[in-house]
Amino acid sequence: MDRIVVYATVERNEFCLSEVRRVLTTEQVKNSLARLAYIIRREENRYTYCVPLFREMLMGLGGEELEELLAHEFQSSHTALNSNTSK
């Protein structure tokens, strides 16, 4: 889930919780943002990347490759959820 949050937001200079909730549940987003606190900083109700080099590295991949990474993470998480529910 953490990678989904990163790939979905890295192209923005800043973002808010509601923008990320479009792709994940509120609880998933909050848990991911708590784990990612070392690279994503919260200021009131906005989030920004506090490690510019990390963001620049991902931005260097380009939008198309970021979209592919995001799609892959969604597919992987969906597959993992399905395999857990079928047990």
Protein backbone atom coordinates (compact mmCIF):
# COMPACT_ATOMS: atom_id res chain seq x y z
CA MET A 1 0.00 0.00 0.00
CA ASP A 2 2.87 2.36 0.75
CA ARG A 3 4.12 2.20 -2.83
CA ILE A 4 0.61 2.92 -4.12
CA VAL A 5 0.52 6.10 -2.01
CA VAL A 6 3.95 7.14 -3.28
CA TYR A 7 3.33 6.37 -6.96
CA ALA A 8 -0.09 8.06 -6.86
CA THR A 9 1.22 11.28 -5.31
CA VAL A 10 4.84 11.76 -6.33
CA GLU A 11 3.99 13.95 -9.32
CA ARG A 12 2.25 16.47 -7.05
CA ASN A 13 4.21 19.02 -5.05
CA GLU A 14 1.73 18.57 -2.22
CA PHE A 15 -1.46 16.60 -1.68
CA CYS A 16 -4.26 16.09 0.82
CA LEU A 17 -5.75 12.96 2.33
CA SER A 18 -8.92 13.15 0.23
CA GLU A 19 -6.88 12.97 -2.99
CA VAL A 20 -5.29 9.68 -1.96
CA ARG A 21 -8.56 8.26 -0.62
CA ARG A 22 -9.69 8.03 -4.24
CA VAL A 23 -7.46 4.96 -4.63
CA LEU A 24 -7.35 3.51 -1.08
CA THR A 25 -9.50 3.49 2.04
CA THR A 26 -8.96 6.13 4.70
CA GLU A 27 -7.46 3.60 7.10
CA GLN A 28 -5.05 2.25 4.46
CA VAL A 29 -3.91 5.77 3.60
CA LYS A 30 -3.42 6.81 7.22
CA ASN A 31 -1.43 3.66 7.99
CA SER A 32 0.75 4.14 4.91
CA LEU A 33 1.37 7.81 5.65
CA ALA A 34 2.38 6.92 9.21
CA ARG A 35 4.93 4.42 7.86
CA LEU A 36 6.13 6.92 5.24
CA ALA A 37 6.60 9.76 7.74
CA TYR A 38 10.33 9.80 7.05
CA ILE A 39 9.75 10.94 3.44
CA ILE A 40 6.26 12.52 3.55
CA ARG A 41 5.61 15.34 6.01
CA ARG A 42 2.20 16.46 7.23
CA GLU A 43 1.56 20.17 7.67
CA GLU A 44 -1.98 20.77 8.89
CA ASN A 45 -4.15 19.00 6.29
CA ARG A 46 -1.54 18.93 3.48
CA TYR A 47 1.28 16.48 2.81
CA THR A 48 4.59 17.21 1.11
CA TYR A 49 7.69 15.21 0.28
CA CYS A 50 10.43 16.16 2.75
CA VAL A 51 13.15 14.23 0.88
CA PRO A 52 13.49 16.04 -2.46
CA LEU A 53 16.02 13.53 -3.83
CA PHE A 54 13.55 10.66 -3.34
CA ARG A 55 10.85 12.54 -5.24
CA GLU A 56 13.25 13.65 -7.98
CA MET A 57 14.44 10.07 -8.45
CA LEU A 58 10.88 8.83 -9.01
CA MET A 59 9.96 11.82 -11.15
CA GLY A 60 12.94 10.96 -13.35
CA LEU A 61 11.17 7.75 -14.32
CA GLY A 62 8.51 9.70 -16.20
CA GLY A 63 4.74 9.66 -15.96
CA GLU A 64 4.24 6.59 -18.10
CA GLU A 65 6.57 4.41 -16.04
CA LEU A 66 5.02 5.70 -12.81
CA GLU A 67 1.59 4.73 -14.14
CA GLU A 68 2.90 1.24 -14.93
CA LEU A 69 4.37 0.91 -11.43
CA LEU A 70 1.09 2.06 -9.89
CA ALA A 71 -0.91 -0.39 -12.02
CA HIS A 72 1.45 -3.19 -11.03
CA GLU A 73 1.04 -2.38 -7.32
CA PHE A 74 -2.76 -2.36 -7.66
CA GLN A 75 -2.66 -5.70 -9.44
CA SER A 76 -0.32 -7.17 -6.82
CA SER A 77 -2.43 -5.95 -3.91
CA HIS A 78 -5.61 -7.21 -5.59
CA THR A 79 -4.01 -10.63 -6.17
CA ALA A 80 -2.82 -10.77 -2.55
CA LEU A 81 -6.29 -9.85 -1.26
CA ASN A 82 -7.93 -12.51 -3.41
CA SER A 83 -5.52 -15.22 -2.32
CA ASN A 84 -6.07 -14.30 1.34
CA THR A 85 -9.86 -14.46 1.04
CA SER A 86 -9.84 -17.79 -0.78
CA LYS A 87 -7.99 -19.54 2.06
